[in-house]
Amino acid sequence: MKKILVTGSNGQLGRAINKVFEGNNEIEIVNTDVAELDITSIDATMAFVKNIRPYAIINCAAHTGVDACETDIENAYKINAIGPRNLSIAATAAGAKIVHVSTDYVFEGNGTRSYTEFDATNPQGVYGATKLAGENFVKEFSKEYFIIRTAWLYGDGKNFVKTMLRLAETNDKVRVVGDQFGSPTSTAELARMIAHLLPTENYGLFHGTCEGSCSWADFAKEIFRQAEKNTEVEAITTAEYPTPAKRPAYSVLDNFMLKLTTDFTFAQWQDALTEYMKELV
């Protein structure tokens, strides 16, 4: 039986990874979070990986607090850059594949067309800079790697969809940013992509988001429409909702490499949302 080590297993994607491999008699998932494995320690990581001898490592661990990263710089680099470096070194020593999850924040985010894997990166904040550093470490220290950039994730855990539904219970109107554009992506869809790539030797850098794009305000409207809520959405500007970290105005990702090299296709974001909403009932 092949072992797959999942880091950050308590997060939304970690849970989706477990679900997508559920019932697979050829795969044993070894779940870890910070309590079981400190990926920022090279010694701890090497010892852990050597002990379990995994077929693959799926790194879902990250410091995802975009605003917090602006002040918690050292921890952001430890978790988002040094962690992937350590896992990559350990994976190579163990002869294991590694899947590393990255982000749209590696781009400047002011484009007018969707970003492909061939576009230049230019992160605008600490979060994006640390995630890009993590990507580069994976490329440097891994032999068999899949780097997957994703965006606007939601799944089993705290997320935008659940926040909107909660607000709809007590508000007739909500104010949501309408000038930031991306692709809402369900963790279920991303987990399916990972499960599709993992058995292959189709290594490299991929974008992995649901098809189509929208603003946060449009996303909220679609959530309320599908949930049959009458809550009104007032679209506001980024300037009206200031945050410590700069958000990408346009960071739609094109799954270009996926289309060029595989037959895997992500669902349209509205359809993926429908599937997710059914599970919430």
Protein backbone atom coordinates (compact mmCIF):
# COMPACT_ATOMS: atom_id res chain seq x y z
CA MET A 1 0.00 0.00 0.00
CA LYS A 2 1.31 3.45 -0.96
CA LYS A 3 1.52 6.05 1.78
CA ILE A 4 0.70 9.68 1.10
CA LEU A 5 1.85 12.19 3.71
CA VAL A 6 -0.53 15.14 3.96
CA THR A 7 0.65 18.25 5.80
CA GLY A 8 -1.88 20.80 7.00
CA SER A 9 -4.44 18.00 7.05
CA ASN A 10 -6.85 19.92 9.31
CA GLY A 11 -7.31 22.66 6.71
CA GLN A 12 -9.94 22.84 4.00
CA LEU A 13 -7.79 21.28 1.28
CA GLY A 14 -6.33 18.66 3.61
CA ARG A 15 -9.83 17.46 4.41
CA ALA A 16 -10.76 17.37 0.72
CA ILE A 17 -7.63 15.32 -0.05
CA ASN A 18 -8.72 12.77 2.54
CA LYS A 19 -12.18 12.62 1.02
CA VAL A 20 -10.99 12.18 -2.58
CA PHE A 21 -8.85 9.16 -1.59
CA GLU A 22 -11.55 7.68 0.66
CA GLY A 23 -12.16 4.05 -0.17
CA ASN A 24 -8.95 3.72 -2.19
CA ASN A 25 -7.49 0.44 -0.97
CA GLU A 26 -4.12 1.17 -2.59
CA ILE A 27 -3.53 4.43 -0.70
CA GLU A 28 -2.90 5.04 3.00
CA ILE A 29 -3.15 8.68 4.04
CA VAL A 30 -0.81 9.78 6.83
CA ASN A 31 -2.31 13.01 8.17
CA THR A 32 -0.18 15.59 9.94
CA ASP A 33 -0.68 19.11 11.16
CA VAL A 34 1.56 21.32 13.25
CA ALA A 35 1.07 19.14 16.33
CA GLU A 36 2.41 16.03 14.57
CA LEU A 37 5.07 17.54 12.30
CA ASP A 38 6.92 20.86 12.40
CA ILE A 39 7.79 21.35 8.74
CA THR A 40 9.91 24.40 9.64
CA SER A 41 12.45 22.05 11.26
CA ILE A 42 14.66 20.25 8.76
CA ASP A 43 15.66 17.60 11.33
CA ALA A 44 12.09 16.85 12.36
CA THR A 45 10.95 16.73 8.74
CA MET A 46 13.76 14.45 7.60
CA ALA A 47 13.22 12.05 10.50
CA PHE A 48 9.43 11.92 10.02
CA VAL A 49 9.60 11.32 6.27
CA LYS A 50 12.37 8.73 6.62
CA ASN A 51 10.28 6.86 9.17
CA ILE A 52 7.08 6.58 7.13
CA ARG A 53 8.71 6.33 3.67
CA PRO A 54 5.86 7.90 1.69
CA TYR A 55 5.12 7.44 -1.99
CA ALA A 56 4.16 11.12 -2.09
CA ILE A 57 3.89 14.24 0.04
CA ILE A 58 1.02 16.68 -0.42
CA ASN A 59 1.85 19.98 1.24
CA CYS A 60 -1.34 21.79 2.24
CA ALA A 61 0.34 23.59 5.16
CA ALA A 62 0.62 27.37 4.83
CA HIS A 63 0.49 30.67 6.68
CA THR A 64 -2.58 31.91 4.80
CA GLY A 65 -3.35 34.98 6.91
CA VAL A 66 -2.60 37.48 4.15
CA ASP A 67 -2.84 40.52 6.42
CA ALA A 68 -1.08 38.82 9.35
CA CYS A 69 1.87 37.95 7.11
CA GLU A 70 2.63 41.67 6.69
CA THR A 71 3.75 41.84 10.33
CA ASP A 72 4.43 38.17 11.12
CA ILE A 73 7.16 38.11 8.47
CA GLU A 74 9.52 35.59 10.07
CA ASN A 75 6.81 32.98 10.60
CA ALA A 76 5.44 33.58 7.11
CA TYR A 77 8.85 32.75 5.62
CA LYS A 78 9.32 29.77 7.94
CA ILE A 79 5.98 28.17 7.05
CA ASN A 80 5.54 29.25 3.42
CA ALA A 81 9.17 29.02 2.23
CA ILE A 82 11.34 26.99 4.62
CA GLY A 83 8.59 24.39 5.15
CA PRO A 84 8.32 23.51 1.45
CA ARG A 85 12.13 23.54 1.22
CA ASN A 86 12.42 21.01 4.05
CA LEU A 87 9.68 18.81 2.63
CA SER A 88 11.34 18.89 -0.80
CA ILE A 89 14.72 17.88 0.59
CA ALA A 90 13.07 15.05 2.54
CA ALA A 91 11.00 13.96 -0.47
CA THR A 92 14.10 13.72 -2.66
CA ALA A 93 15.95 11.71 -0.01
CA ALA A 94 12.99 9.33 0.28
CA GLY A 95 12.39 9.08 -3.48
CA ALA A 96 8.92 10.55 -3.01
CA LYS A 97 6.85 12.80 -5.23
CA ILE A 98 5.76 16.14 -3.81
CA VAL A 99 2.66 18.24 -4.45
CA HIS A 100 3.00 21.83 -3.30
CA VAL A 101 0.04 24.21 -3.25
CA SER A 102 0.72 27.85 -4.11
CA THR A 103 -1.34 30.95 -4.87
CA ASP A 104 -2.42 33.64 -7.30
CA TYR A 105 -0.74 36.17 -4.99
CA VAL A 106 2.60 35.45 -6.70
CA PHE A 107 1.38 37.74 -9.50
CA GLU A 108 1.12 41.52 -9.46
CA GLY A 109 -2.61 41.22 -9.95
CA ASN A 110 -3.28 44.17 -12.22
CA GLY A 111 -3.65 42.30 -15.51
CA THR A 112 -6.47 42.41 -18.02
CA ARG A 113 -6.26 38.76 -19.08
CA SER A 114 -5.90 35.55 -17.11
CA TYR A 115 -2.39 34.58 -16.01
CA THR A 116 -0.73 31.47 -17.43
CA GLU A 117 2.16 29.54 -15.94
CA PHE A 118 4.45 31.37 -18.38
CA ASP A 119 3.67 34.87 -17.11
CA ALA A 120 6.18 36.76 -14.95
CA THR A 121 5.58 36.77 -11.22
CA ASN A 122 5.70 39.93 -9.12
CA PRO A 123 4.19 39.51 -5.65
CA GLN A 124 2.97 42.70 -3.96
CA GLY A 125 3.06 41.59 -0.33
CA VAL A 126 4.74 39.30 2.18
CA TYR A 127 2.28 36.44 1.65
CA GLY A 128 2.87 36.33 -2.10
CA ALA A 129 6.63 36.76 -1.70
CA THR A 130 6.88 33.88 0.78
CA LYS A 131 4.72 31.59 -1.35
CA LEU A 132 6.87 32.35 -4.41
CA ALA A 133 10.00 31.59 -2.36
CA GLY A 134 8.38 28.26 -1.45
CA GLU A 135 7.78 27.48 -5.12
CA ASN A 136 11.41 28.22 -5.94
CA PHE A 137 12.68 25.98 -3.14
CA VAL A 138 10.49 23.12 -4.38
CA LYS A 139 11.94 23.54 -7.89
CA GLU A 140 15.46 23.68 -6.47
CA PHE A 141 15.33 20.69 -4.12
CA SER A 142 12.73 18.35 -5.64
CA LYS A 143 13.08 16.03 -8.59
CA GLU A 144 9.47 14.89 -8.96
CA TYR A 145 7.20 17.80 -8.13
CA PHE A 146 3.81 19.26 -8.93
CA ILE A 147 3.43 22.93 -7.97
CA ILE A 148 -0.21 23.97 -8.16
CA ARG A 149 -1.29 27.61 -7.91
CA THR A 150 -4.89 28.05 -6.88
CA ALA A 151 -7.15 30.85 -5.63
CA TRP A 152 -10.33 31.76 -3.75
CA LEU A 153 -10.58 28.33 -2.10
CA TYR A 154 -13.59 27.17 -0.14
CA GLY A 155 -14.38 23.79 1.41
CA ASP A 156 -14.84 22.15 4.80
CA GLY A 157 -13.84 24.98 7.12
CA LYS A 158 -14.05 28.73 7.50
CA ASN A 159 -14.55 30.39 4.10
CA PHE A 160 -16.25 33.13 2.10
CA VAL A 161 -19.32 31.04 1.23
CA LYS A 162 -20.11 30.25 4.84
CA THR A 163 -19.43 33.85 5.89
CA MET A 164 -21.93 35.16 3.32
CA LEU A 165 -24.58 32.64 4.33
CA ARG A 166 -24.10 33.57 7.98
CA LEU A 167 -24.41 37.28 7.20
CA ALA A 168 -27.57 36.61 5.20
CA GLU A 169 -29.25 35.29 8.35
CA THR A 170 -29.20 38.71 10.02
CA ASN A 171 -28.69 41.23 7.20
CA ASP A 172 -30.93 42.44 4.38
CA LYS A 173 -27.90 43.91 2.62
CA VAL A 174 -24.17 43.19 2.65
CA ARG A 175 -21.32 45.27 1.23
CA VAL A 176 -18.79 43.26 -0.78
CA VAL A 177 -15.79 44.34 -2.83
CA GLY A 178 -16.69 44.49 -6.52
CA ASP A 179 -13.41 45.48 -8.16
CA GLN A 180 -11.30 42.41 -7.36
CA PHE A 181 -11.62 39.52 -9.83
CA GLY A 182 -10.67 35.85 -9.51
CA SER A 183 -11.95 32.29 -9.85
CA PRO A 184 -13.80 30.78 -6.88
CA THR A 185 -12.47 27.24 -6.48
CA SER A 186 -13.83 24.37 -4.42
CA THR A 187 -11.35 22.20 -2.56
CA ALA A 188 -13.22 19.17 -3.93
CA GLU A 189 -12.28 20.18 -7.49
CA LEU A 190 -8.68 20.92 -6.53
CA ALA A 191 -8.37 17.58 -4.72
CA ARG A 192 -9.61 15.82 -7.87
CA MET A 193 -6.94 17.57 -9.92
CA ILE A 194 -4.25 16.47 -7.45
CA ALA A 195 -5.53 12.88 -7.51
CA HIS A 196 -5.43 13.00 -11.33
CA LEU A 197 -1.85 14.31 -11.53
CA LEU A 198 -0.27 12.32 -8.71
CA PRO A 199 0.04 8.89 -10.42
CA THR A 200 1.61 10.50 -13.52
CA GLU A 201 5.08 11.76 -14.35
CA ASN A 202 3.60 14.98 -15.72
CA TYR A 203 5.70 17.09 -13.35
CA GLY A 204 6.00 20.84 -13.20
CA LEU A 205 4.05 24.02 -12.52
CA PHE A 206 0.28 24.14 -12.96
CA HIS A 207 -2.58 26.52 -12.33
CA GLY A 208 -5.59 24.90 -10.75
CA THR A 209 -8.82 26.88 -10.39
CA CYS A 210 -12.42 26.39 -11.39
CA GLU A 211 -13.30 27.70 -14.84
CA GLY A 212 -14.71 31.19 -15.28
CA SER A 213 -14.22 34.28 -13.15
CA CYS A 214 -16.12 36.91 -11.19
CA SER A 215 -15.77 39.63 -8.58
CA TRP A 216 -16.25 38.97 -4.88
CA ALA A 217 -19.58 40.83 -5.12
CA ASP A 218 -20.70 38.61 -8.02
CA PHE A 219 -19.60 35.56 -6.04
CA ALA A 220 -21.76 36.69 -3.12
CA LYS A 221 -24.75 37.27 -5.42
CA GLU A 222 -24.43 33.74 -6.82
CA ILE A 223 -24.19 32.27 -3.31
CA PHE A 224 -27.42 34.05 -2.31
CA ARG A 225 -29.14 33.07 -5.56
CA GLN A 226 -28.35 29.39 -5.09
CA ALA A 227 -29.25 29.51 -1.40
CA GLU A 228 -32.51 31.31 -2.27
CA LYS A 229 -31.66 34.24 -0.02
CA ASN A 230 -33.09 37.70 -0.65
CA THR A 231 -30.06 39.48 0.77
CA GLU A 232 -28.95 42.39 -1.42
CA VAL A 233 -25.28 42.78 -2.38
CA GLU A 234 -23.86 46.29 -2.57
CA ALA A 235 -20.63 46.29 -4.57
CA ILE A 236 -17.96 48.54 -3.03
CA THR A 237 -14.44 49.48 -4.08
CA THR A 238 -11.21 48.15 -2.62
CA ALA A 239 -10.53 51.67 -1.38
CA GLU A 240 -13.71 51.51 0.70
CA TYR A 241 -12.49 48.30 2.39
CA PRO A 242 -8.83 48.94 3.24
CA THR A 243 -6.67 46.04 4.43
CA PRO A 244 -3.03 45.85 5.64
CA ALA A 245 -2.04 43.70 2.65
CA LYS A 246 -2.69 44.70 -0.94
CA ARG A 247 -5.17 42.41 -2.72
CA PRO A 248 -4.81 41.55 -6.42
CA ALA A 249 -7.31 43.54 -8.50
CA TYR A 250 -7.25 40.91 -11.25
CA SER A 251 -5.66 37.54 -10.57
CA VAL A 252 -7.68 35.14 -12.69
CA LEU A 253 -5.56 32.05 -13.41
CA ASP A 254 -5.63 30.21 -16.73
CA ASN A 255 -5.18 26.44 -16.31
CA PHE A 256 -3.02 26.53 -19.43
CA MET A 257 -0.57 23.71 -18.62
CA LEU A 258 -3.42 21.47 -17.51
CA LYS A 259 -5.13 21.99 -20.88
CA LEU A 260 -1.89 21.43 -22.81
CA THR A 261 -0.77 18.26 -21.05
CA THR A 262 -3.82 16.50 -19.56
CA ASP A 263 -7.47 15.70 -20.23
CA PHE A 264 -8.52 16.95 -16.79
CA THR A 265 -10.99 19.82 -16.76
CA PHE A 266 -12.17 21.84 -13.79
CA ALA A 267 -15.88 22.48 -13.35
CA GLN A 268 -17.29 25.96 -13.98
CA TRP A 269 -17.16 27.87 -10.70
CA GLN A 270 -20.95 28.15 -10.51
CA ASP A 271 -21.37 24.37 -10.92
CA ALA A 272 -18.71 23.62 -8.30
CA LEU A 273 -20.52 25.99 -5.94
CA THR A 274 -23.79 24.11 -6.55
CA GLU A 275 -22.12 20.83 -5.59
CA TYR A 276 -20.69 22.41 -2.45
CA MET A 277 -24.00 24.02 -1.43
CA LYS A 278 -25.75 20.64 -1.62
CA GLU A 279 -23.30 19.28 0.95
CA LEU A 280 -24.06 22.17 3.32
CA VAL A 281 -27.76 21.30 3.54
